[in-house]
Amino acid sequence: MTLADTQQQRLLERLRQAGDQPVAFAELHAGGIAFPATVVSELQLNGYAIERVYDHRRLVGVRLLHPEPRETPAAPRRRRRPWPHR
């Protein structure tokens, strides 16, 4: 398991424990996650639904909307042109 995997697992566990309550980035950092915003973005790219929570335009924290990643559809195949592109 790589350091990134460990950080992702730690963040997911903390968000699952919080339930519907947002968790602040400072709290995640204090919990041993070096760059929480980066780890959140990585998890979102891997299909996890993580919401950024705001209060009066101020970021409060993040929360996990679904405990498991959603299935992401495969990217559509690109059609190749039979003639050279100019």
N, C-alpha and C. Protein backbone atom coordinates (compact mmCIF):
# COMPACT_ATOMS: atom_id res chain seq x y z
N MET A 1 0.85 -1.17 0.00
CA MET A 1 0.00 0.00 0.00
C MET A 1 0.90 1.24 0.00
N THR A 2 0.62 2.17 -0.89
CA THR A 2 1.43 3.38 -0.99
C THR A 2 0.96 4.43 0.01
N LEU A 3 1.76 5.48 0.15
CA LEU A 3 1.40 6.57 1.05
C LEU A 3 0.08 7.21 0.62
N ALA A 4 -0.11 7.38 -0.69
CA ALA A 4 -1.36 7.97 -1.19
C ALA A 4 -2.55 7.11 -0.81
N ASP A 5 -2.43 5.79 -0.94
CA ASP A 5 -3.51 4.88 -0.56
C ASP A 5 -3.83 5.00 0.92
N THR A 6 -2.80 5.10 1.74
CA THR A 6 -2.98 5.23 3.19
C THR A 6 -3.71 6.53 3.51
N GLN A 7 -3.32 7.61 2.86
CA GLN A 7 -3.96 8.90 3.09
C GLN A 7 -5.43 8.86 2.66
N GLN A 8 -5.70 8.23 1.53
CA GLN A 8 -7.07 8.14 1.04
C GLN A 8 -7.93 7.31 1.99
N GLN A 9 -7.40 6.19 2.46
CA GLN A 9 -8.15 5.35 3.40
C GLN A 9 -8.43 6.09 4.70
N ARG A 10 -7.44 6.80 5.20
CA ARG A 10 -7.60 7.56 6.44
C ARG A 10 -8.67 8.64 6.28
N LEU A 11 -8.66 9.35 5.15
CA LEU A 11 -9.65 10.39 4.90
C LEU A 11 -11.04 9.79 4.78
N LEU A 12 -11.16 8.69 4.04
CA LEU A 12 -12.47 8.04 3.89
C LEU A 12 -13.02 7.58 5.23
N GLU A 13 -12.18 6.99 6.07
CA GLU A 13 -12.62 6.55 7.39
C GLU A 13 -13.14 7.72 8.21
N ARG A 14 -12.42 8.84 8.17
CA ARG A 14 -12.83 10.02 8.95
C ARG A 14 -14.15 10.58 8.43
N LEU A 15 -14.33 10.63 7.12
CA LEU A 15 -15.59 11.14 6.56
C LEU A 15 -16.75 10.19 6.86
N ARG A 16 -16.50 8.90 6.83
CA ARG A 16 -17.56 7.93 7.16
C ARG A 16 -17.97 8.05 8.63
N GLN A 17 -16.99 8.28 9.51
CA GLN A 17 -17.30 8.46 10.94
C GLN A 17 -18.14 9.70 11.17
N ALA A 18 -17.90 10.75 10.39
CA ALA A 18 -18.62 12.01 10.57
C ALA A 18 -20.06 11.94 10.09
N GLY A 19 -20.37 10.99 9.24
CA GLY A 19 -21.74 10.87 8.73
C GLY A 19 -22.09 12.06 7.85
N ASP A 20 -23.20 12.75 8.19
CA ASP A 20 -23.66 13.90 7.40
C ASP A 20 -22.96 15.21 7.79
N GLN A 21 -22.17 15.19 8.84
CA GLN A 21 -21.51 16.41 9.31
C GLN A 21 -20.25 16.68 8.49
N PRO A 22 -20.00 17.95 8.13
CA PRO A 22 -18.78 18.27 7.40
C PRO A 22 -17.55 18.17 8.29
N VAL A 23 -16.43 17.82 7.69
CA VAL A 23 -15.15 17.74 8.40
C VAL A 23 -14.23 18.80 7.80
N ALA A 24 -13.66 19.65 8.64
CA ALA A 24 -12.80 20.73 8.18
C ALA A 24 -11.46 20.19 7.68
N PHE A 25 -10.89 20.89 6.70
CA PHE A 25 -9.58 20.49 6.19
C PHE A 25 -8.52 20.54 7.29
N ALA A 26 -8.63 21.52 8.19
CA ALA A 26 -7.67 21.63 9.30
C ALA A 26 -7.75 20.40 10.20
N GLU A 27 -8.96 19.90 10.42
CA GLU A 27 -9.13 18.69 11.23
C GLU A 27 -8.54 17.47 10.54
N LEU A 28 -8.73 17.39 9.22
CA LEU A 28 -8.16 16.28 8.46
C LEU A 28 -6.63 16.35 8.49
N HIS A 29 -6.09 17.55 8.37
CA HIS A 29 -4.64 17.73 8.42
C HIS A 29 -4.10 17.34 9.79
N ALA A 30 -4.80 17.75 10.84
CA ALA A 30 -4.39 17.39 12.20
C ALA A 30 -4.48 15.88 12.43
N GLY A 31 -5.35 15.21 11.67
CA GLY A 31 -5.50 13.77 11.78
C GLY A 31 -4.47 12.98 10.99
N GLY A 32 -3.50 13.68 10.41
CA GLY A 32 -2.42 12.96 9.73
C GLY A 32 -2.48 12.94 8.22
N ILE A 33 -3.40 13.69 7.63
CA ILE A 33 -3.50 13.74 6.17
C ILE A 33 -2.74 14.98 5.71
N ALA A 34 -1.65 14.77 4.98
CA ALA A 34 -0.73 15.86 4.64
C ALA A 34 -1.38 16.95 3.79
N PHE A 35 -2.04 16.59 2.73
CA PHE A 35 -2.68 17.56 1.84
C PHE A 35 -4.13 17.13 1.60
N PRO A 36 -5.04 17.45 2.53
CA PRO A 36 -6.41 16.93 2.45
C PRO A 36 -7.16 17.35 1.19
N ALA A 37 -6.96 18.56 0.70
CA ALA A 37 -7.68 18.99 -0.51
C ALA A 37 -7.25 18.15 -1.71
N THR A 38 -5.98 17.81 -1.79
CA THR A 38 -5.48 16.97 -2.87
C THR A 38 -6.05 15.56 -2.77
N VAL A 39 -6.09 15.02 -1.57
CA VAL A 39 -6.62 13.67 -1.37
C VAL A 39 -8.11 13.63 -1.71
N VAL A 40 -8.85 14.68 -1.34
CA VAL A 40 -10.28 14.76 -1.69
C VAL A 40 -10.44 14.75 -3.21
N SER A 41 -9.63 15.53 -3.92
CA SER A 41 -9.71 15.56 -5.38
C SER A 41 -9.39 14.20 -5.99
N GLU A 42 -8.39 13.51 -5.45
CA GLU A 42 -8.05 12.18 -5.95
C GLU A 42 -9.21 11.21 -5.76
N LEU A 43 -9.85 11.28 -4.60
CA LEU A 43 -10.98 10.39 -4.34
C LEU A 43 -12.15 10.71 -5.26
N GLN A 44 -12.38 11.99 -5.53
CA GLN A 44 -13.45 12.37 -6.45
C GLN A 44 -13.17 11.83 -7.84
N LEU A 45 -11.92 11.89 -8.27
CA LEU A 45 -11.56 11.33 -9.57
C LEU A 45 -11.75 9.82 -9.62
N ASN A 46 -11.67 9.17 -8.46
CA ASN A 46 -11.87 7.72 -8.38
C ASN A 46 -13.33 7.35 -8.18
N GLY A 47 -14.24 8.33 -8.23
CA GLY A 47 -15.67 8.02 -8.21
C GLY A 47 -16.39 8.28 -6.90
N TYR A 48 -15.70 8.73 -5.87
CA TYR A 48 -16.37 9.02 -4.60
C TYR A 48 -17.09 10.36 -4.68
N ALA A 49 -18.31 10.41 -4.17
CA ALA A 49 -19.10 11.64 -4.15
C ALA A 49 -18.81 12.38 -2.86
N ILE A 50 -17.94 13.38 -2.95
CA ILE A 50 -17.56 14.18 -1.79
C ILE A 50 -17.99 15.61 -2.07
N GLU A 51 -18.72 16.18 -1.12
CA GLU A 51 -19.26 17.53 -1.29
C GLU A 51 -18.50 18.53 -0.43
N ARG A 52 -18.19 19.66 -1.00
CA ARG A 52 -17.62 20.77 -0.23
C ARG A 52 -18.78 21.55 0.37
N VAL A 53 -18.72 21.80 1.67
CA VAL A 53 -19.81 22.45 2.39
C VAL A 53 -19.42 23.89 2.71
N TYR A 54 -20.32 24.82 2.36
CA TYR A 54 -20.07 26.24 2.58
C TYR A 54 -21.12 26.81 3.52
N ASP A 55 -20.72 27.85 4.26
CA ASP A 55 -21.63 28.61 5.10
C ASP A 55 -21.34 30.08 4.85
N HIS A 56 -22.29 30.77 4.23
CA HIS A 56 -22.11 32.17 3.86
C HIS A 56 -20.83 32.38 3.04
N ARG A 57 -20.69 31.56 2.00
CA ARG A 57 -19.56 31.62 1.06
C ARG A 57 -18.22 31.22 1.67
N ARG A 58 -18.23 30.73 2.86
CA ARG A 58 -16.98 30.31 3.53
C ARG A 58 -16.96 28.79 3.58
N LEU A 59 -15.85 28.21 3.15
CA LEU A 59 -15.73 26.75 3.16
C LEU A 59 -15.67 26.25 4.59
N VAL A 60 -16.61 25.38 4.93
CA VAL A 60 -16.67 24.80 6.27
C VAL A 60 -15.89 23.50 6.31
N GLY A 61 -16.05 22.69 5.28
CA GLY A 61 -15.38 21.39 5.23
C GLY A 61 -15.93 20.55 4.10
N VAL A 62 -15.72 19.25 4.20
CA VAL A 62 -16.20 18.31 3.19
C VAL A 62 -16.95 17.18 3.87
N ARG A 63 -17.86 16.58 3.11
CA ARG A 63 -18.57 15.41 3.63
C ARG A 63 -18.76 14.40 2.51
N LEU A 64 -18.86 13.16 2.91
CA LEU A 64 -19.02 12.04 1.99
C LEU A 64 -20.51 11.82 1.76
N LEU A 65 -20.94 11.90 0.50
CA LEU A 65 -22.36 11.73 0.19
C LEU A 65 -22.75 10.26 0.08
N HIS A 66 -21.86 9.43 -0.44
CA HIS A 66 -22.11 7.99 -0.58
C HIS A 66 -20.87 7.24 -0.08
N PRO A 67 -21.06 6.18 0.70
CA PRO A 67 -19.91 5.48 1.28
C PRO A 67 -19.04 4.74 0.26
N GLU A 68 -19.59 4.43 -0.88
CA GLU A 68 -18.84 3.69 -1.90
C GLU A 68 -18.76 4.52 -3.17
N PRO A 69 -17.74 4.30 -3.99
CA PRO A 69 -17.62 5.07 -5.24
C PRO A 69 -18.72 4.70 -6.22
N ARG A 70 -19.13 5.68 -7.00
CA ARG A 70 -20.14 5.39 -8.03
C ARG A 70 -19.44 4.80 -9.24
N GLU A 71 -20.19 4.08 -10.00
CA GLU A 71 -19.64 3.48 -11.21
C GLU A 71 -19.51 4.56 -12.26
N THR A 72 -18.33 4.74 -12.79
CA THR A 72 -18.12 5.75 -13.83
C THR A 72 -18.19 5.08 -15.19
N PRO A 73 -18.97 5.65 -16.11
CA PRO A 73 -19.06 5.04 -17.43
C PRO A 73 -17.75 5.20 -18.19
N ALA A 74 -17.50 4.26 -19.06
CA ALA A 74 -16.29 4.31 -19.87
C ALA A 74 -16.35 5.50 -20.82
N ALA A 75 -15.23 6.08 -21.10
CA ALA A 75 -15.17 7.22 -22.02
C ALA A 75 -15.57 6.76 -23.42
N PRO A 76 -16.29 7.61 -24.15
CA PRO A 76 -16.68 7.21 -25.51
C PRO A 76 -15.45 7.07 -26.40
N ARG A 77 -15.54 6.13 -27.30
CA ARG A 77 -14.41 5.91 -28.21
C ARG A 77 -14.37 7.01 -29.24
N ARG A 78 -13.17 7.44 -29.55
CA ARG A 78 -13.00 8.48 -30.56
C ARG A 78 -13.00 7.84 -31.94
N ARG A 79 -13.67 8.51 -32.85
CA ARG A 79 -13.69 8.02 -34.23
C ARG A 79 -12.45 8.52 -34.94
N ARG A 80 -11.85 7.66 -35.68
CA ARG A 80 -10.67 8.04 -36.45
C ARG A 80 -11.11 8.50 -37.83
N ARG A 81 -10.50 9.55 -38.29
CA ARG A 81 -10.81 10.06 -39.63
C ARG A 81 -10.04 9.24 -40.66
N PRO A 82 -10.70 8.87 -41.75
CA PRO A 82 -10.00 8.11 -42.79
C PRO A 82 -9.08 8.99 -43.62
N TRP A 83 -9.18 10.31 -43.47
CA TRP A 83 -8.33 11.22 -44.23
C TRP A 83 -7.43 11.99 -43.25
N PRO A 84 -6.33 12.53 -43.73
CA PRO A 84 -5.43 13.27 -42.84
C PRO A 84 -6.08 14.57 -42.37
N HIS A 85 -5.84 14.90 -41.15
CA HIS A 85 -6.37 16.13 -40.56
C HIS A 85 -5.46 17.30 -40.91
N ARG A 86 -6.04 18.40 -41.34
CA ARG A 86 -5.23 19.58 -41.70
C ARG A 86 -5.57 20.73 -40.84
